[in-house]
Amino acid sequence: MHTLEMNKKVRFLQEIRHEIGDNNFRRCLARVYTQHYITVLESNELKISREDLVFRVNCMLQEHNVKPLSYYFFRQFDLVGVLK
């Protein structure tokens, strides 16, 4: 169920990419993927390091031909329940 919601959000962002610009697209896409990973990890009671999360999200961004985001971007997310 979570994956379906994420895919809808990604498709919507792809549709409006040119209207919002590449930088906003990249940041919004990273937020969608990060929130998805956090939700999946919490629901499965799994843990991940922040570095692994950054790596996974940046890999997904590269699939959309956008530059990866810095570690600093990911510090804004509440990862208390999912960090190793």
PDB file of N, CA and C in Angstrom:
ATOM      1  N   MET A   1       0.817  -1.191   0.000  1.00  0.00           N
ATOM      2  CA  MET A   1       0.000   0.000   0.000  1.00  0.00           C
ATOM      3  C   MET A   1       0.864   1.259   0.000  1.00  0.00           C
ATOM      4  N   HIS A   2       1.938   1.255   0.783  1.00  0.00           N
ATOM      5  CA  HIS A   2       2.802   2.427   0.849  1.00  0.00           C
ATOM      6  C   HIS A   2       3.482   2.693  -0.494  1.00  0.00           C
ATOM      7  N   THR A   3       3.851   1.615  -1.180  1.00  0.00           N
ATOM      8  CA  THR A   3       4.551   1.765  -2.453  1.00  0.00           C
ATOM      9  C   THR A   3       3.643   2.387  -3.505  1.00  0.00           C
ATOM     10  N   LEU A   4       2.379   2.024  -3.490  1.00  0.00           N
ATOM     11  CA  LEU A   4       1.431   2.591  -4.444  1.00  0.00           C
ATOM     12  C   LEU A   4       1.293   4.097  -4.251  1.00  0.00           C
ATOM     13  N   GLU A   5       1.200   4.538  -3.010  1.00  0.00           N
ATOM     14  CA  GLU A   5       1.105   5.969  -2.722  1.00  0.00           C
ATOM     15  C   GLU A   5       2.370   6.692  -3.169  1.00  0.00           C
ATOM     16  N   MET A   6       3.517   6.084  -2.900  1.00  0.00           N
ATOM     17  CA  MET A   6       4.780   6.693  -3.303  1.00  0.00           C
ATOM     18  C   MET A   6       4.844   6.823  -4.827  1.00  0.00           C
ATOM     19  N   ASN A   7       4.447   5.771  -5.526  1.00  0.00           N
ATOM     20  CA  ASN A   7       4.487   5.806  -6.995  1.00  0.00           C
ATOM     21  C   ASN A   7       3.570   6.877  -7.565  1.00  0.00           C
ATOM     22  N   LYS A   8       2.416   7.080  -6.946  1.00  0.00           N
ATOM     23  CA  LYS A   8       1.507   8.145  -7.394  1.00  0.00           C
ATOM     24  C   LYS A   8       2.154   9.511  -7.223  1.00  0.00           C
ATOM     25  N   LYS A   9       2.803   9.708  -6.103  1.00  0.00           N
ATOM     26  CA  LYS A   9       3.467  10.991  -5.846  1.00  0.00           C
ATOM     27  C   LYS A   9       4.605  11.217  -6.836  1.00  0.00           C
ATOM     28  N   VAL A  10       5.373  10.174  -7.111  1.00  0.00           N
ATOM     29  CA  VAL A  10       6.494  10.291  -8.054  1.00  0.00           C
ATOM     30  C   VAL A  10       5.977  10.617  -9.444  1.00  0.00           C
ATOM     31  N   ARG A  11       4.923   9.938  -9.869  1.00  0.00           N
ATOM     32  CA  ARG A  11       4.352  10.221 -11.201  1.00  0.00           C
ATOM     33  C   ARG A  11       3.853  11.657 -11.291  1.00  0.00           C
ATOM     34  N   PHE A  12       3.198  12.126 -10.223  1.00  0.00           N
ATOM     35  CA  PHE A  12       2.710  13.507 -10.211  1.00  0.00           C
ATOM     36  C   PHE A  12       3.876  14.488 -10.322  1.00  0.00           C
ATOM     37  N   LEU A  13       4.937  14.233  -9.563  1.00  0.00           N
ATOM     38  CA  LEU A  13       6.111  15.115  -9.631  1.00  0.00           C
ATOM     39  C   LEU A  13       6.731  15.115 -11.019  1.00  0.00           C
ATOM     40  N   GLN A  14       6.741  13.956 -11.668  1.00  0.00           N
ATOM     41  CA  GLN A  14       7.287  13.890 -13.027  1.00  0.00           C
ATOM     42  C   GLN A  14       6.447  14.720 -13.991  1.00  0.00           C
ATOM     43  N   GLU A  15       5.141  14.736 -13.762  1.00  0.00           N
ATOM     44  CA  GLU A  15       4.254  15.511 -14.637  1.00  0.00           C
ATOM     45  C   GLU A  15       4.478  17.018 -14.500  1.00  0.00           C
ATOM     46  N   ILE A  16       4.814  17.476 -13.302  1.00  0.00           N
ATOM     47  CA  ILE A  16       4.969  18.914 -13.079  1.00  0.00           C
ATOM     48  C   ILE A  16       6.442  19.336 -12.994  1.00  0.00           C
ATOM     49  N   ARG A  17       7.342  18.457 -13.359  1.00  0.00           N
ATOM     50  CA  ARG A  17       8.784  18.723 -13.236  1.00  0.00           C
ATOM     51  C   ARG A  17       9.200  20.020 -13.910  1.00  0.00           C
ATOM     52  N   HIS A  18       8.753  20.248 -15.116  1.00  0.00           N
ATOM     53  CA  HIS A  18       9.171  21.450 -15.848  1.00  0.00           C
ATOM     54  C   HIS A  18       8.572  22.716 -15.262  1.00  0.00           C
ATOM     55  N   GLU A  19       7.433  22.589 -14.625  1.00  0.00           N
ATOM     56  CA  GLU A  19       6.780  23.753 -14.022  1.00  0.00           C
ATOM     57  C   GLU A  19       7.450  24.174 -12.713  1.00  0.00           C
ATOM     58  N   ILE A  20       7.925  23.205 -11.942  1.00  0.00           N
ATOM     59  CA  ILE A  20       8.525  23.530 -10.637  1.00  0.00           C
ATOM     60  C   ILE A  20      10.041  23.675 -10.698  1.00  0.00           C
ATOM     61  N   GLY A  21      10.654  23.229 -11.775  1.00  0.00           N
ATOM     62  CA  GLY A  21      12.101  23.336 -11.927  1.00  0.00           C
ATOM     63  C   GLY A  21      12.811  22.109 -11.389  1.00  0.00           C
ATOM     64  N   ASP A  22      14.018  21.908 -11.888  1.00  0.00           N
ATOM     65  CA  ASP A  22      14.766  20.699 -11.533  1.00  0.00           C
ATOM     66  C   ASP A  22      15.165  20.646 -10.061  1.00  0.00           C
ATOM     67  N   ASN A  23      15.546  21.776  -9.491  1.00  0.00           N
ATOM     68  CA  ASN A  23      15.975  21.761  -8.093  1.00  0.00           C
ATOM     69  C   ASN A  23      14.818  21.420  -7.151  1.00  0.00           C
ATOM     70  N   ASN A  24      13.658  22.022  -7.377  1.00  0.00           N
ATOM     71  CA  ASN A  24      12.483  21.697  -6.556  1.00  0.00           C
ATOM     72  C   ASN A  24      12.033  20.261  -6.792  1.00  0.00           C
ATOM     73  N   PHE A  25      12.105  19.808  -8.028  1.00  0.00           N
ATOM     74  CA  PHE A  25      11.763  18.420  -8.344  1.00  0.00           C
ATOM     75  C   PHE A  25      12.658  17.470  -7.564  1.00  0.00           C
ATOM     76  N   ARG A  26      13.935  17.744  -7.556  1.00  0.00           N
ATOM     77  CA  ARG A  26      14.912  16.894  -6.864  1.00  0.00           C
ATOM     78  C   ARG A  26      14.630  16.846  -5.369  1.00  0.00           C
ATOM     79  N   ARG A  27      14.382  17.989  -4.769  1.00  0.00           N
ATOM     80  CA  ARG A  27      14.120  18.041  -3.328  1.00  0.00           C
ATOM     81  C   ARG A  27      12.798  17.360  -2.963  1.00  0.00           C
ATOM     82  N   CYS A  28      11.766  17.579  -3.760  1.00  0.00           N
ATOM     83  CA  CYS A  28      10.470  16.944  -3.497  1.00  0.00           C
ATOM     84  C   CYS A  28      10.557  15.429  -3.676  1.00  0.00           C
ATOM     85  N   LEU A  29      11.248  15.008  -4.712  1.00  0.00           N
ATOM     86  CA  LEU A  29      11.419  13.585  -4.964  1.00  0.00           C
ATOM     87  C   LEU A  29      12.191  12.921  -3.826  1.00  0.00           C
ATOM     88  N   ALA A  30      13.231  13.571  -3.361  1.00  0.00           N
ATOM     89  CA  ALA A  30      14.004  13.031  -2.243  1.00  0.00           C
ATOM     90  C   ALA A  30      13.149  12.929  -0.985  1.00  0.00           C
ATOM     91  N   ARG A  31      12.309  13.916  -0.770  1.00  0.00           N
ATOM     92  CA  ARG A  31      11.408  13.883   0.400  1.00  0.00           C
ATOM     93  C   ARG A  31      10.434  12.710   0.299  1.00  0.00           C
ATOM     94  N   VAL A  32       9.865  12.485  -0.883  1.00  0.00           N
ATOM     95  CA  VAL A  32       8.930  11.374  -1.072  1.00  0.00           C
ATOM     96  C   VAL A  32       9.625  10.046  -0.799  1.00  0.00           C
ATOM     97  N   TYR A  33      10.811   9.851  -1.376  1.00  0.00           N
ATOM     98  CA  TYR A  33      11.526   8.589  -1.173  1.00  0.00           C
ATOM     99  C   TYR A  33      11.958   8.413   0.281  1.00  0.00           C
ATOM    100  N   THR A  34      12.426   9.468   0.909  1.00  0.00           N
ATOM    101  CA  THR A  34      12.854   9.379   2.307  1.00  0.00           C
ATOM    102  C   THR A  34      11.687   9.029   3.204  1.00  0.00           C
ATOM    103  N   GLN A  35      10.572   9.712   3.025  1.00  0.00           N
ATOM    104  CA  GLN A  35       9.403   9.404   3.848  1.00  0.00           C
ATOM    105  C   GLN A  35       8.905   7.989   3.605  1.00  0.00           C
ATOM    106  N   HIS A  36       9.008   7.517   2.371  1.00  0.00           N
ATOM    107  CA  HIS A  36       8.617   6.137   2.065  1.00  0.00           C
ATOM    108  C   HIS A  36       9.512   5.149   2.803  1.00  0.00           C
ATOM    109  N   TYR A  37      10.812   5.351   2.726  1.00  0.00           N
ATOM    110  CA  TYR A  37      11.744   4.450   3.417  1.00  0.00           C
ATOM    111  C   TYR A  37      11.493   4.458   4.923  1.00  0.00           C
ATOM    112  N   ILE A  38      11.267   5.620   5.505  1.00  0.00           N
ATOM    113  CA  ILE A  38      11.012   5.713   6.948  1.00  0.00           C
ATOM    114  C   ILE A  38       9.752   4.935   7.305  1.00  0.00           C
ATOM    115  N   THR A  39       8.693   5.095   6.522  1.00  0.00           N
ATOM    116  CA  THR A  39       7.431   4.392   6.783  1.00  0.00           C
ATOM    117  C   THR A  39       7.615   2.881   6.702  1.00  0.00           C
ATOM    118  N   VAL A  40       8.306   2.418   5.678  1.00  0.00           N
ATOM    119  CA  VAL A  40       8.530   0.980   5.511  1.00  0.00           C
ATOM    120  C   VAL A  40       9.386   0.436   6.645  1.00  0.00           C
ATOM    121  N   LEU A  41      10.429   1.157   7.011  1.00  0.00           N
ATOM    122  CA  LEU A  41      11.292   0.702   8.095  1.00  0.00           C
ATOM    123  C   LEU A  41      10.533   0.633   9.414  1.00  0.00           C
ATOM    124  N   GLU A  42       9.728   1.650   9.698  1.00  0.00           N
ATOM    125  CA  GLU A  42       8.957   1.660  10.936  1.00  0.00           C
ATOM    126  C   GLU A  42       7.928   0.536  10.966  1.00  0.00           C
ATOM    127  N   SER A  43       7.248   0.310   9.861  1.00  0.00           N
ATOM    128  CA  SER A  43       6.208  -0.718   9.837  1.00  0.00           C
ATOM    129  C   SER A  43       6.794  -2.124   9.951  1.00  0.00           C
ATOM    130  N   ASN A  44       8.028  -2.305   9.506  1.00  0.00           N
ATOM    131  CA  ASN A  44       8.688  -3.604   9.599  1.00  0.00           C
ATOM    132  C   ASN A  44       9.646  -3.704  10.782  1.00  0.00           C
ATOM    133  N   GLU A  45       9.668  -2.649  11.600  1.00  0.00           N
ATOM    134  CA  GLU A  45      10.531  -2.582  12.780  1.00  0.00           C
ATOM    135  C   GLU A  45      11.996  -2.861  12.426  1.00  0.00           C
ATOM    136  N   LEU A  46      12.461  -2.215  11.357  1.00  0.00           N
ATOM    137  CA  LEU A  46      13.842  -2.362  10.899  1.00  0.00           C
ATOM    138  C   LEU A  46      14.625  -1.101  11.229  1.00  0.00           C
ATOM    139  N   LYS A  47      15.940  -1.215  11.243  1.00  0.00           N
ATOM    140  CA  LYS A  47      16.824  -0.087  11.521  1.00  0.00           C
ATOM    141  C   LYS A  47      17.756   0.122  10.326  1.00  0.00           C
ATOM    142  N   ILE A  48      18.196   1.371  10.159  1.00  0.00           N
ATOM    143  CA  ILE A  48      19.114   1.709   9.072  1.00  0.00           C
ATOM    144  C   ILE A  48      20.006   2.849   9.553  1.00  0.00           C
ATOM    145  N   SER A  49      21.196   2.911   9.028  1.00  0.00           N
ATOM    146  CA  SER A  49      22.048   4.053   9.351  1.00  0.00           C
ATOM    147  C   SER A  49      21.664   5.217   8.441  1.00  0.00           C
ATOM    148  N   ARG A  50      21.936   6.415   8.896  1.00  0.00           N
ATOM    149  CA  ARG A  50      21.608   7.588   8.084  1.00  0.00           C
ATOM    150  C   ARG A  50      22.377   7.547   6.765  1.00  0.00           C
ATOM    151  N   GLU A  51      23.613   7.080   6.804  1.00  0.00           N
ATOM    152  CA  GLU A  51      24.425   7.001   5.581  1.00  0.00           C
ATOM    153  C   GLU A  51      23.791   6.058   4.560  1.00  0.00           C
ATOM    154  N   ASP A  52      23.254   4.918   5.028  1.00  0.00           N
ATOM    155  CA  ASP A  52      22.590   3.986   4.114  1.00  0.00           C
ATOM    156  C   ASP A  52      21.324   4.591   3.520  1.00  0.00           C
ATOM    157  N   LEU A  53      20.587   5.324   4.332  1.00  0.00           N
ATOM    158  CA  LEU A  53      19.379   5.981   3.844  1.00  0.00           C
ATOM    159  C   LEU A  53      19.729   7.012   2.772  1.00  0.00           C
ATOM    160  N   VAL A  54      20.753   7.808   3.035  1.00  0.00           N
ATOM    161  CA  VAL A  54      21.206   8.812   2.064  1.00  0.00           C
ATOM    162  C   VAL A  54      21.616   8.125   0.759  1.00  0.00           C
ATOM    163  N   PHE A  55      22.362   7.042   0.872  1.00  0.00           N
ATOM    164  CA  PHE A  55      22.809   6.303  -0.310  1.00  0.00           C
ATOM    165  C   PHE A  55      21.623   5.785  -1.120  1.00  0.00           C
ATOM    166  N   ARG A  56      20.663   5.168  -0.443  1.00  0.00           N
ATOM    167  CA  ARG A  56      19.503   4.593  -1.143  1.00  0.00           C
ATOM    168  C   ARG A  56      18.674   5.665  -1.850  1.00  0.00           C
ATOM    169  N   VAL A  57      18.416   6.760  -1.154  1.00  0.00           N
ATOM    170  CA  VAL A  57      17.615   7.827  -1.757  1.00  0.00           C
ATOM    171  C   VAL A  57      18.369   8.453  -2.929  1.00  0.00           C
ATOM    172  N   ASN A  58      19.650   8.683  -2.771  1.00  0.00           N
ATOM    173  CA  ASN A  58      20.435   9.267  -3.864  1.00  0.00           C
ATOM    174  C   ASN A  58      20.492   8.343  -5.077  1.00  0.00           C
ATOM    175  N   CYS A  59      20.503   7.042  -4.858  1.00  0.00           N
ATOM    176  CA  CYS A  59      20.446   6.101  -5.987  1.00  0.00           C
ATOM    177  C   CYS A  59      19.119   6.244  -6.736  1.00  0.00           C
ATOM    178  N   MET A  60      18.034   6.408  -5.988  1.00  0.00           N
ATOM    179  CA  MET A  60      16.733   6.603  -6.626  1.00  0.00           C
ATOM    180  C   MET A  60      16.693   7.927  -7.398  1.00  0.00           C
ATOM    181  N   LEU A  61      17.319   8.957  -6.855  1.00  0.00           N
ATOM    182  CA  LEU A  61      17.369  10.244  -7.553  1.00  0.00           C
ATOM    183  C   LEU A  61      18.132  10.119  -8.868  1.00  0.00           C
ATOM    184  N   GLN A  62      19.212   9.369  -8.856  1.00  0.00           N
ATOM    185  CA  GLN A  62      20.003   9.199 -10.068  1.00  0.00           C
ATOM    186  C   GLN A  62      19.219   8.474 -11.152  1.00  0.00           C
ATOM    187  N   GLU A  63      18.274   7.615 -10.760  1.00  0.00           N
ATOM    188  CA  GLU A  63      17.426   6.954 -11.754  1.00  0.00           C
ATOM    189  C   GLU A  63      16.532   7.956 -12.482  1.00  0.00           C
ATOM    190  N   HIS A  64      16.296   9.097 -11.856  1.00  0.00           N
ATOM    191  CA  HIS A  64      15.491  10.164 -12.477  1.00  0.00           C
ATOM    192  C   HIS A  64      16.371  11.242 -13.109  1.00  0.00           C
ATOM    193  N   ASN A  65      17.647  10.948 -13.228  1.00  0.00           N
ATOM    194  CA  ASN A  65      18.608  11.859 -13.856  1.00  0.00           C
ATOM    195  C   ASN A  65      18.704  13.206 -13.149  1.00  0.00           C
ATOM    196  N   VAL A  66      18.719  13.171 -11.828  1.00  0.00           N
ATOM    197  CA  VAL A  66      18.946  14.388 -11.050  1.00  0.00           C
ATOM    198  C   VAL A  66      20.130  14.145 -10.118  1.00  0.00           C
ATOM    199  N   LYS A  67      20.776  15.229  -9.740  1.00  0.00           N
ATOM    200  CA  LYS A  67      21.955  15.140  -8.891  1.00  0.00           C
ATOM    201  C   LYS A  67      21.572  14.680  -7.482  1.00  0.00           C
ATOM    202  N   PRO A  68      22.463  13.959  -6.830  1.00  0.00           N
ATOM    203  CA  PRO A  68      22.202  13.531  -5.456  1.00  0.00           C
ATOM    204  C   PRO A  68      22.208  14.716  -4.494  1.00  0.00           C
ATOM    205  N   LEU A  69      21.572  14.512  -3.355  1.00  0.00           N
ATOM    206  CA  LEU A  69      21.528  15.536  -2.318  1.00  0.00           C
ATOM    207  C   LEU A  69      22.569  15.238  -1.241  1.00  0.00           C
ATOM    208  N   SER A  70      22.961  16.284  -0.542  1.00  0.00           N
ATOM    209  CA  SER A  70      23.981  16.133   0.490  1.00  0.00           C
ATOM    210  C   SER A  70      23.391  15.493   1.749  1.00  0.00           C
ATOM    211  N   TYR A  71      24.281  15.025   2.571  1.00  0.00           N
ATOM    212  CA  TYR A  71      23.919  14.436   3.859  1.00  0.00           C
ATOM    213  C   TYR A  71      23.117  15.439   4.688  1.00  0.00           C
ATOM    214  N   TYR A  72      23.458  16.710   4.570  1.00  0.00           N
ATOM    215  CA  TYR A  72      22.789  17.759   5.341  1.00  0.00           C
ATOM    216  C   TYR A  72      21.287  17.794   5.075  1.00  0.00           C
ATOM    217  N   PHE A  73      20.854  17.566   3.846  1.00  0.00           N
ATOM    218  CA  PHE A  73      19.430  17.581   3.501  1.00  0.00           C
ATOM    219  C   PHE A  73      18.649  16.585   4.358  1.00  0.00           C
ATOM    220  N   PHE A  74      19.241  15.440   4.628  1.00  0.00           N
ATOM    221  CA  PHE A  74      18.544  14.360   5.311  1.00  0.00           C
ATOM    222  C   PHE A  74      18.489  14.547   6.820  1.00  0.00           C
ATOM    223  N   ARG A  75      19.191  15.524   7.334  1.00  0.00           N
ATOM    224  CA  ARG A  75      19.172  15.773   8.776  1.00  0.00           C
ATOM    225  C   ARG A  75      17.843  16.342   9.250  1.00  0.00           C
ATOM    226  N   GLN A  76      17.025  16.830   8.336  1.00  0.00           N
ATOM    227  CA  GLN A  76      15.746  17.422   8.715  1.00  0.00           C
ATOM    228  C   GLN A  76      14.687  16.379   9.058  1.00  0.00           C
ATOM    229  N   PHE A  77      14.928  15.120   8.722  1.00  0.00           N
ATOM    230  CA  PHE A  77      13.932  14.079   8.948  1.00  0.00           C
ATOM    231  C   PHE A  77      14.094  13.446  10.323  1.00  0.00           C
ATOM    232  N   ASP A  78      12.964  13.146  10.940  1.00  0.00           N
ATOM    233  CA  ASP A  78      12.954  12.500  12.252  1.00  0.00           C
ATOM    234  C   ASP A  78      13.169  10.994  12.049  1.00  0.00           C
ATOM    235  N   LEU A  79      14.369  10.553  12.353  1.00  0.00           N
ATOM    236  CA  LEU A  79      14.721   9.150  12.153  1.00  0.00           C
ATOM    237  C   LEU A  79      14.921   8.401  13.475  1.00  0.00           C
ATOM    238  N   VAL A  80      14.361   8.921  14.539  1.00  0.00           N
ATOM    239  CA  VAL A  80      14.604   8.361  15.872  1.00  0.00           C
ATOM    240  C   VAL A  80      14.283   6.882  15.937  1.00  0.00           C
ATOM    241  N   GLY A  81      13.159   6.452  15.370  1.00  0.00           N
ATOM    242  CA  GLY A  81      12.757   5.055  15.468  1.00  0.00           C
ATOM    243  C   GLY A  81      13.410   4.114  14.485  1.00  0.00           C
ATOM    244  N   VAL A  82      14.141   4.653  13.500  1.00  0.00           N
ATOM    245  CA  VAL A  82      14.687   3.787  12.456  1.00  0.00           C
ATOM    246  C   VAL A  82      16.207   3.783  12.365  1.00  0.00           C
ATOM    247  N   LEU A  83      16.871   4.616  13.140  1.00  0.00           N
ATOM    248  CA  LEU A  83      18.335   4.654  13.079  1.00  0.00           C
ATOM    249  C   LEU A  83      18.950   3.512  13.871  1.00  0.00           C
ATOM    250  N   LYS A  84      20.051   2.999  13.331  1.00  0.00           N
ATOM    251  CA  LYS A  84      20.809   1.954  14.037  1.00  0.00           C
ATOM    252  C   LYS A  84      21.530   2.564  15.209  1.00  0.00           C
TER     253      LYS A  84
END
